[in-house]
Amino acid sequence: MSRLLIATAIVLALATAACGLKKLDDATFERMTQASTGQTTGIWVTYFHRDRPDEERSLRALESFSDAALDQHVFLSQVNLDENPMLKRRFAERVPPPALVMFRHNKMFIYNGELTQDALIRWALEEYGVHLGVPVPPLPTLFGLIEKQLTGASEASGGVLM
């Protein structure tokens, strides 16, 4: 059964990634990337960004070489943190946008190189290993979300919940 799920995830990833730069959201991010479980669907490089004109140039550059990346089995994707509060809560603190992040082996690797097709693909396939990755933040639990809401409400009311 688990092999069928893995095969389905890979087919789904290949089919959707073939459409260029894949837009991921709160509902699709973990299913597509498998970031917290060790990423069984391939190498994912995700551009975390906000709704800002200066970040659009990087999006266009990534779109222009997404097919070449896919040829090397590297999936390029984007996440707009302004539109995805769960992913923002999970990643924005550790990965301030805009940022290119690769998910591999339960770790995140942040790309700081030149935004060119060859440089990014070479880094994703070979050079990422010279950098220390950081653990992927865990998926939020229901208890954690409730606790965060209560903590925020408590701080907003001066430490007193009503």
N, C-alpha and C. Protein backbone atom coordinates (compact mmCIF):
# COMPACT_ATOMS: atom_id res chain seq x y z
N MET A 1 0.82 -1.19 0.00
CA MET A 1 0.00 0.00 0.00
C MET A 1 0.86 1.26 0.00
N SER A 2 1.95 1.28 0.84
CA SER A 2 2.78 2.47 0.90
C SER A 2 3.52 2.69 -0.42
N ARG A 3 3.87 1.61 -1.11
CA ARG A 3 4.52 1.76 -2.42
C ARG A 3 3.58 2.40 -3.42
N LEU A 4 2.31 2.03 -3.34
CA LEU A 4 1.31 2.62 -4.22
C LEU A 4 1.18 4.11 -3.94
N LEU A 5 1.18 4.49 -2.66
CA LEU A 5 1.09 5.91 -2.30
C LEU A 5 2.30 6.68 -2.79
N ILE A 6 3.48 6.10 -2.63
CA ILE A 6 4.71 6.75 -3.10
C ILE A 6 4.68 6.90 -4.61
N ALA A 7 4.30 5.84 -5.31
CA ALA A 7 4.22 5.90 -6.78
C ALA A 7 3.21 6.95 -7.23
N THR A 8 2.09 7.01 -6.55
CA THR A 8 1.07 8.01 -6.89
C THR A 8 1.61 9.41 -6.66
N ALA A 9 2.31 9.63 -5.55
CA ALA A 9 2.88 10.95 -5.26
C ALA A 9 3.90 11.35 -6.31
N ILE A 10 4.72 10.40 -6.76
CA ILE A 10 5.73 10.71 -7.77
C ILE A 10 5.06 11.05 -9.10
N VAL A 11 4.07 10.27 -9.49
CA VAL A 11 3.36 10.55 -10.74
C VAL A 11 2.67 11.91 -10.67
N LEU A 12 2.05 12.19 -9.55
CA LEU A 12 1.39 13.49 -9.36
C LEU A 12 2.40 14.62 -9.42
N ALA A 13 3.54 14.43 -8.78
CA ALA A 13 4.58 15.47 -8.80
C ALA A 13 5.10 15.69 -10.21
N LEU A 14 5.35 14.62 -10.94
CA LEU A 14 5.83 14.76 -12.32
C LEU A 14 4.80 15.43 -13.21
N ALA A 15 3.55 15.05 -13.05
CA ALA A 15 2.50 15.62 -13.90
C ALA A 15 2.30 17.10 -13.63
N THR A 16 2.32 17.49 -12.37
CA THR A 16 2.09 18.90 -12.07
C THR A 16 3.33 19.74 -12.29
N ALA A 17 4.50 19.18 -12.04
CA ALA A 17 5.73 19.95 -12.24
C ALA A 17 5.98 20.21 -13.72
N ALA A 18 5.46 19.38 -14.58
CA ALA A 18 5.64 19.57 -16.01
C ALA A 18 4.98 20.85 -16.50
N CYS A 19 4.14 21.44 -15.70
CA CYS A 19 3.44 22.67 -16.06
C CYS A 19 4.24 23.91 -15.69
N GLY A 20 5.53 23.80 -15.45
CA GLY A 20 6.35 24.95 -15.08
C GLY A 20 6.53 25.03 -13.59
N LEU A 21 6.68 26.25 -13.12
CA LEU A 21 6.88 26.50 -11.70
C LEU A 21 5.59 26.18 -10.95
N LYS A 22 5.64 25.18 -10.10
CA LYS A 22 4.45 24.71 -9.39
C LYS A 22 4.14 25.62 -8.22
N LYS A 23 2.90 26.09 -8.15
CA LYS A 23 2.46 26.92 -7.03
C LYS A 23 1.90 26.00 -5.94
N LEU A 24 2.55 26.02 -4.78
CA LEU A 24 2.12 25.20 -3.65
C LEU A 24 1.43 26.08 -2.63
N ASP A 25 0.57 25.46 -1.82
CA ASP A 25 -0.17 26.21 -0.81
C ASP A 25 -0.31 25.38 0.46
N ASP A 26 -1.05 25.92 1.42
CA ASP A 26 -1.24 25.22 2.70
C ASP A 26 -1.74 23.80 2.51
N ALA A 27 -2.60 23.59 1.53
CA ALA A 27 -3.21 22.27 1.31
C ALA A 27 -2.31 21.30 0.55
N THR A 28 -1.41 21.80 -0.30
CA THR A 28 -0.65 20.92 -1.18
C THR A 28 0.83 20.78 -0.83
N PHE A 29 1.38 21.68 -0.05
CA PHE A 29 2.84 21.70 0.17
C PHE A 29 3.39 20.38 0.68
N GLU A 30 2.87 19.90 1.79
CA GLU A 30 3.44 18.68 2.38
C GLU A 30 3.18 17.46 1.52
N ARG A 31 2.01 17.38 0.93
CA ARG A 31 1.68 16.23 0.08
C ARG A 31 2.62 16.16 -1.12
N MET A 32 2.92 17.30 -1.71
CA MET A 32 3.77 17.30 -2.90
C MET A 32 5.25 17.12 -2.56
N THR A 33 5.75 17.85 -1.56
CA THR A 33 7.19 17.83 -1.28
C THR A 33 7.61 16.72 -0.34
N GLN A 34 6.71 16.28 0.53
CA GLN A 34 7.06 15.31 1.58
C GLN A 34 8.23 15.83 2.42
N ALA A 35 8.30 17.13 2.62
CA ALA A 35 9.43 17.78 3.29
C ALA A 35 9.68 17.23 4.69
N SER A 36 8.66 17.00 5.47
CA SER A 36 8.87 16.57 6.85
C SER A 36 9.10 15.08 6.99
N THR A 37 8.87 14.32 5.93
CA THR A 37 9.03 12.86 6.02
C THR A 37 10.24 12.33 5.28
N GLY A 38 11.03 13.19 4.69
CA GLY A 38 12.21 12.73 3.99
C GLY A 38 12.12 12.87 2.49
N GLN A 39 11.06 13.45 2.01
CA GLN A 39 10.91 13.82 0.61
C GLN A 39 11.09 12.65 -0.34
N THR A 40 10.09 11.87 -0.45
CA THR A 40 10.14 10.72 -1.34
C THR A 40 9.75 11.07 -2.78
N THR A 41 9.32 12.30 -3.02
CA THR A 41 8.85 12.66 -4.36
C THR A 41 9.92 13.33 -5.21
N GLY A 42 11.12 13.51 -4.70
CA GLY A 42 12.18 14.11 -5.49
C GLY A 42 12.82 15.29 -4.79
N ILE A 43 13.64 16.01 -5.53
CA ILE A 43 14.33 17.19 -5.01
C ILE A 43 13.44 18.40 -5.28
N TRP A 44 13.04 19.07 -4.23
CA TRP A 44 12.17 20.25 -4.36
C TRP A 44 12.94 21.49 -3.94
N VAL A 45 12.96 22.48 -4.81
CA VAL A 45 13.50 23.80 -4.49
C VAL A 45 12.31 24.76 -4.53
N THR A 46 12.02 25.35 -3.40
CA THR A 46 10.83 26.19 -3.25
C THR A 46 11.22 27.63 -3.00
N TYR A 47 10.58 28.52 -3.74
CA TYR A 47 10.78 29.96 -3.56
C TYR A 47 9.69 30.47 -2.64
N PHE A 48 10.07 30.84 -1.42
CA PHE A 48 9.15 31.43 -0.47
C PHE A 48 9.17 32.94 -0.68
N HIS A 49 8.01 33.52 -0.96
CA HIS A 49 7.97 34.95 -1.26
C HIS A 49 6.69 35.58 -0.72
N ARG A 50 6.60 36.89 -0.91
CA ARG A 50 5.41 37.65 -0.53
C ARG A 50 4.90 38.38 -1.76
N ASP A 51 3.80 39.08 -1.62
CA ASP A 51 3.24 39.88 -2.73
C ASP A 51 4.01 41.19 -2.84
N ARG A 52 5.17 41.13 -3.45
CA ARG A 52 5.98 42.34 -3.62
C ARG A 52 6.53 42.37 -5.04
N PRO A 53 6.49 43.53 -5.68
CA PRO A 53 6.97 43.64 -7.06
C PRO A 53 8.43 43.22 -7.23
N ASP A 54 9.28 43.55 -6.27
CA ASP A 54 10.70 43.19 -6.39
C ASP A 54 10.93 41.68 -6.34
N GLU A 55 9.99 40.93 -5.80
CA GLU A 55 10.14 39.48 -5.74
C GLU A 55 9.59 38.80 -6.99
N GLU A 56 8.89 39.55 -7.82
CA GLU A 56 8.33 39.01 -9.07
C GLU A 56 9.44 38.66 -10.06
N ARG A 57 10.53 39.43 -10.09
CA ARG A 57 11.63 39.14 -11.02
C ARG A 57 12.21 37.76 -10.78
N SER A 58 12.39 37.41 -9.52
CA SER A 58 12.91 36.08 -9.20
C SER A 58 11.93 35.00 -9.62
N LEU A 59 10.64 35.25 -9.45
CA LEU A 59 9.63 34.29 -9.90
C LEU A 59 9.72 34.06 -11.40
N ARG A 60 9.84 35.13 -12.16
CA ARG A 60 9.94 35.00 -13.62
C ARG A 60 11.20 34.24 -14.02
N ALA A 61 12.30 34.50 -13.34
CA ALA A 61 13.54 33.78 -13.64
C ALA A 61 13.37 32.29 -13.38
N LEU A 62 12.78 31.95 -12.25
CA LEU A 62 12.56 30.54 -11.93
C LEU A 62 11.64 29.87 -12.94
N GLU A 63 10.59 30.57 -13.35
CA GLU A 63 9.68 30.03 -14.35
C GLU A 63 10.42 29.75 -15.65
N SER A 64 11.36 30.60 -16.00
CA SER A 64 12.06 30.45 -17.28
C SER A 64 12.95 29.22 -17.33
N PHE A 65 13.41 28.74 -16.19
CA PHE A 65 14.22 27.52 -16.25
C PHE A 65 13.66 26.35 -15.48
N SER A 66 12.36 26.33 -15.26
CA SER A 66 11.76 25.20 -14.56
C SER A 66 11.79 23.92 -15.39
N ASP A 67 11.66 24.03 -16.71
CA ASP A 67 11.71 22.82 -17.55
C ASP A 67 13.10 22.19 -17.54
N ALA A 68 14.15 23.03 -17.59
CA ALA A 68 15.52 22.50 -17.53
C ALA A 68 15.78 21.83 -16.18
N ALA A 69 15.25 22.40 -15.12
CA ALA A 69 15.41 21.79 -13.80
C ALA A 69 14.70 20.44 -13.74
N LEU A 70 13.49 20.39 -14.30
CA LEU A 70 12.74 19.14 -14.31
C LEU A 70 13.48 18.05 -15.09
N ASP A 71 14.17 18.43 -16.15
CA ASP A 71 14.98 17.47 -16.91
C ASP A 71 16.04 16.82 -16.02
N GLN A 72 16.46 17.52 -14.98
CA GLN A 72 17.47 17.01 -14.04
C GLN A 72 16.81 16.45 -12.76
N HIS A 73 15.49 16.27 -12.80
CA HIS A 73 14.72 15.73 -11.67
C HIS A 73 14.71 16.67 -10.46
N VAL A 74 14.74 17.96 -10.74
CA VAL A 74 14.62 18.98 -9.70
C VAL A 74 13.30 19.70 -9.93
N PHE A 75 12.43 19.68 -8.93
CA PHE A 75 11.13 20.34 -9.04
C PHE A 75 11.23 21.74 -8.45
N LEU A 76 10.89 22.74 -9.24
CA LEU A 76 10.87 24.12 -8.76
C LEU A 76 9.44 24.49 -8.41
N SER A 77 9.29 25.13 -7.27
CA SER A 77 7.95 25.52 -6.82
C SER A 77 8.01 26.87 -6.13
N GLN A 78 6.83 27.40 -5.88
CA GLN A 78 6.73 28.68 -5.17
C GLN A 78 5.64 28.60 -4.12
N VAL A 79 5.85 29.38 -3.05
CA VAL A 79 4.85 29.52 -2.00
C VAL A 79 4.75 31.01 -1.68
N ASN A 80 3.56 31.56 -1.85
CA ASN A 80 3.31 32.94 -1.47
C ASN A 80 2.88 32.93 0.00
N LEU A 81 3.76 33.41 0.86
CA LEU A 81 3.48 33.36 2.30
C LEU A 81 2.35 34.31 2.70
N ASP A 82 2.08 35.34 1.89
CA ASP A 82 0.96 36.23 2.19
C ASP A 82 -0.38 35.53 2.00
N GLU A 83 -0.41 34.48 1.19
CA GLU A 83 -1.65 33.76 0.90
C GLU A 83 -1.78 32.46 1.68
N ASN A 84 -0.75 32.06 2.41
CA ASN A 84 -0.74 30.75 3.07
C ASN A 84 -0.30 30.88 4.52
N PRO A 85 -1.24 31.18 5.41
CA PRO A 85 -0.89 31.45 6.81
C PRO A 85 -0.25 30.27 7.54
N MET A 86 -0.63 29.05 7.20
CA MET A 86 -0.05 27.89 7.88
C MET A 86 1.42 27.73 7.51
N LEU A 87 1.73 27.88 6.22
CA LEU A 87 3.12 27.77 5.80
C LEU A 87 3.94 28.96 6.31
N LYS A 88 3.32 30.12 6.36
CA LYS A 88 4.00 31.29 6.91
C LYS A 88 4.37 31.04 8.37
N ARG A 89 3.44 30.53 9.14
CA ARG A 89 3.68 30.23 10.55
C ARG A 89 4.79 29.18 10.69
N ARG A 90 4.80 28.24 9.79
CA ARG A 90 5.76 27.13 9.87
C ARG A 90 7.16 27.52 9.42
N PHE A 91 7.27 28.34 8.36
CA PHE A 91 8.58 28.58 7.75
C PHE A 91 9.15 29.99 7.86
N ALA A 92 8.33 31.02 7.92
CA ALA A 92 8.82 32.40 7.77
C ALA A 92 9.85 32.80 8.82
N GLU A 93 9.74 32.26 10.01
CA GLU A 93 10.69 32.60 11.07
C GLU A 93 12.08 32.06 10.76
N ARG A 94 12.16 30.86 10.24
CA ARG A 94 13.46 30.24 9.94
C ARG A 94 13.98 30.58 8.56
N VAL A 95 13.06 30.93 7.68
CA VAL A 95 13.42 31.23 6.29
C VAL A 95 12.75 32.55 5.90
N PRO A 96 13.35 33.68 6.28
CA PRO A 96 12.72 34.97 5.94
C PRO A 96 12.64 35.15 4.43
N PRO A 97 11.45 35.47 3.93
CA PRO A 97 11.30 35.63 2.48
C PRO A 97 11.89 36.95 2.00
N PRO A 98 12.31 37.04 0.76
CA PRO A 98 12.29 35.96 -0.22
C PRO A 98 13.46 35.00 0.00
N ALA A 99 13.22 33.73 -0.23
CA ALA A 99 14.26 32.73 -0.04
C ALA A 99 14.00 31.52 -0.92
N LEU A 100 15.08 30.98 -1.46
CA LEU A 100 15.03 29.71 -2.20
C LEU A 100 15.52 28.62 -1.26
N VAL A 101 14.69 27.62 -1.05
CA VAL A 101 14.99 26.57 -0.08
C VAL A 101 14.84 25.21 -0.75
N MET A 102 15.84 24.37 -0.56
CA MET A 102 15.74 23.00 -1.05
C MET A 102 15.42 22.09 0.13
N PHE A 103 14.52 21.16 -0.12
CA PHE A 103 14.14 20.18 0.89
C PHE A 103 14.72 18.84 0.47
N ARG A 104 15.57 18.29 1.34
CA ARG A 104 16.23 17.03 1.03
C ARG A 104 16.65 16.36 2.33
N HIS A 105 16.35 15.08 2.46
CA HIS A 105 16.77 14.29 3.63
C HIS A 105 16.30 14.91 4.95
N ASN A 106 15.06 15.33 5.01
CA ASN A 106 14.47 15.93 6.21
C ASN A 106 15.14 17.24 6.64
N LYS A 107 15.87 17.86 5.73
CA LYS A 107 16.55 19.11 6.04
C LYS A 107 16.21 20.17 5.00
N MET A 108 16.44 21.42 5.40
CA MET A 108 16.28 22.56 4.50
C MET A 108 17.67 23.13 4.22
N PHE A 109 17.90 23.44 2.96
CA PHE A 109 19.14 24.08 2.54
C PHE A 109 18.76 25.38 1.84
N ILE A 110 19.33 26.49 2.28
CA ILE A 110 18.98 27.80 1.71
C ILE A 110 20.00 28.17 0.66
N TYR A 111 19.50 28.53 -0.52
CA TYR A 111 20.35 28.90 -1.65
C TYR A 111 20.68 30.38 -1.58
N ASN A 112 21.97 30.69 -1.63
CA ASN A 112 22.42 32.08 -1.60
C ASN A 112 23.22 32.47 -2.83
N GLY A 113 23.22 31.62 -3.84
CA GLY A 113 24.02 31.86 -5.03
C GLY A 113 23.32 32.73 -6.06
N GLU A 114 23.97 32.81 -7.20
CA GLU A 114 23.45 33.58 -8.32
C GLU A 114 22.19 32.89 -8.88
N LEU A 115 21.20 33.68 -9.23
CA LEU A 115 19.95 33.12 -9.73
C LEU A 115 20.04 32.89 -11.23
N THR A 116 20.79 31.84 -11.58
CA THR A 116 20.87 31.40 -12.97
C THR A 116 20.49 29.93 -13.02
N GLN A 117 20.07 29.51 -14.18
CA GLN A 117 19.64 28.12 -14.36
C GLN A 117 20.74 27.15 -13.98
N ASP A 118 21.91 27.29 -14.56
CA ASP A 118 23.00 26.34 -14.32
C ASP A 118 23.45 26.34 -12.86
N ALA A 119 23.58 27.52 -12.27
CA ALA A 119 24.05 27.61 -10.88
C ALA A 119 23.07 26.95 -9.92
N LEU A 120 21.79 27.22 -10.11
CA LEU A 120 20.79 26.66 -9.20
C LEU A 120 20.70 25.14 -9.33
N ILE A 121 20.69 24.64 -10.55
CA ILE A 121 20.59 23.19 -10.75
C ILE A 121 21.84 22.49 -10.23
N ARG A 122 23.02 23.06 -10.50
CA ARG A 122 24.27 22.47 -10.00
C ARG A 122 24.25 22.41 -8.46
N TRP A 123 23.79 23.50 -7.84
CA TRP A 123 23.71 23.53 -6.38
C TRP A 123 22.74 22.46 -5.86
N ALA A 124 21.58 22.36 -6.49
CA ALA A 124 20.56 21.40 -6.03
C ALA A 124 21.03 19.96 -6.17
N LEU A 125 21.84 19.68 -7.17
CA LEU A 125 22.29 18.30 -7.42
C LEU A 125 23.59 17.95 -6.72
N GLU A 126 24.49 18.93 -6.56
CA GLU A 126 25.83 18.61 -6.09
C GLU A 126 26.32 19.46 -4.92
N GLU A 127 26.22 20.76 -5.06
CA GLU A 127 26.93 21.66 -4.15
C GLU A 127 26.21 21.92 -2.83
N TYR A 128 24.95 21.56 -2.73
CA TYR A 128 24.21 21.83 -1.50
C TYR A 128 24.87 21.18 -0.29
N GLY A 129 25.55 20.07 -0.49
CA GLY A 129 26.13 19.29 0.59
C GLY A 129 27.23 19.98 1.37
N VAL A 130 27.81 21.05 0.81
CA VAL A 130 28.86 21.76 1.55
C VAL A 130 28.26 22.69 2.60
N HIS A 131 26.96 22.86 2.57
CA HIS A 131 26.27 23.71 3.54
C HIS A 131 25.57 22.81 4.57
N LEU A 132 25.50 23.29 5.78
CA LEU A 132 24.77 22.55 6.79
C LEU A 132 23.28 22.83 6.62
N GLY A 133 22.53 21.78 6.49
CA GLY A 133 21.09 21.95 6.43
C GLY A 133 20.53 22.09 7.83
N VAL A 134 19.34 22.62 7.91
CA VAL A 134 18.65 22.72 9.20
C VAL A 134 17.41 21.84 9.12
N PRO A 135 16.98 21.28 10.24
CA PRO A 135 15.80 20.41 10.22
C PRO A 135 14.57 21.14 9.69
N VAL A 136 13.76 20.42 8.95
CA VAL A 136 12.50 20.97 8.46
C VAL A 136 11.58 21.15 9.66
N PRO A 137 10.96 22.32 9.80
CA PRO A 137 10.02 22.49 10.91
C PRO A 137 8.91 21.44 10.83
N PRO A 138 8.52 20.89 11.96
CA PRO A 138 7.50 19.84 11.93
C PRO A 138 6.15 20.39 11.49
N LEU A 139 5.31 19.49 11.05
CA LEU A 139 3.93 19.87 10.74
C LEU A 139 3.26 20.35 12.01
N PRO A 140 2.47 21.39 11.92
CA PRO A 140 1.78 21.85 13.12
C PRO A 140 0.74 20.84 13.58
N THR A 141 0.64 20.68 14.88
CA THR A 141 -0.39 19.81 15.44
C THR A 141 -1.59 20.66 15.84
N LEU A 142 -2.72 20.03 16.00
CA LEU A 142 -3.91 20.75 16.43
C LEU A 142 -3.67 21.41 17.79
N PHE A 143 -3.04 20.68 18.71
CA PHE A 143 -2.75 21.23 20.03
C PHE A 143 -1.83 22.44 19.90
N GLY A 144 -0.81 22.34 19.06
CA GLY A 144 0.12 23.45 18.87
C GLY A 144 -0.57 24.69 18.32
N LEU A 145 -1.49 24.49 17.38
CA LEU A 145 -2.22 25.62 16.81
C LEU A 145 -3.11 26.29 17.86
N ILE A 146 -3.80 25.48 18.67
CA ILE A 146 -4.65 26.03 19.73
C ILE A 146 -3.80 26.77 20.75
N GLU A 147 -2.68 26.18 21.12
CA GLU A 147 -1.78 26.81 22.09
C GLU A 147 -1.27 28.15 21.56
N LYS A 148 -0.91 28.20 20.29
CA LYS A 148 -0.42 29.44 19.69
C LYS A 148 -1.51 30.51 19.70
N GLN A 149 -2.75 30.11 19.38
CA GLN A 149 -3.87 31.05 19.40
C GLN A 149 -4.09 31.59 20.81
N LEU A 150 -4.05 30.70 21.80
CA LEU A 150 -4.25 31.13 23.19
C LEU A 150 -3.12 32.03 23.66
N THR A 151 -1.90 31.71 23.30
CA THR A 151 -0.76 32.53 23.68
C THR A 151 -0.88 33.92 23.06
N GLY A 152 -1.25 33.97 21.78
CA GLY A 152 -1.44 35.26 21.11
C GLY A 152 -2.55 36.06 21.73
N ALA A 153 -3.65 35.40 22.08
CA ALA A 153 -4.77 36.10 22.71
C ALA A 153 -4.38 36.59 24.09
N SER A 154 -3.62 35.79 24.82
CA SER A 154 -3.18 36.17 26.16
C SER A 154 -2.25 37.39 26.10
N GLU A 155 -1.32 37.39 25.16
CA GLU A 155 -0.40 38.52 25.02
C GLU A 155 -1.15 39.78 24.61
N ALA A 156 -2.14 39.64 23.74
CA ALA A 156 -2.91 40.79 23.27
C ALA A 156 -3.75 41.41 24.39
N SER A 157 -4.14 40.58 25.36
CA SER A 157 -4.98 41.10 26.44
C SER A 157 -4.17 41.42 27.70
N GLY A 158 -2.87 41.54 27.54
CA GLY A 158 -2.03 41.87 28.69
C GLY A 158 -1.80 40.71 29.63
N GLY A 159 -1.90 39.49 29.12
CA GLY A 159 -1.63 38.30 29.92
C GLY A 159 -2.84 37.70 30.60
N VAL A 160 -4.02 38.26 30.33
CA VAL A 160 -5.24 37.75 30.96
C VAL A 160 -6.20 37.27 29.88
N LEU A 161 -6.58 36.01 29.96
CA LEU A 161 -7.58 35.47 29.03
C LEU A 161 -8.96 35.63 29.63
N MET A 162 -9.89 36.05 28.82
CA MET A 162 -11.26 36.23 29.32
C MET A 162 -12.16 35.21 28.71
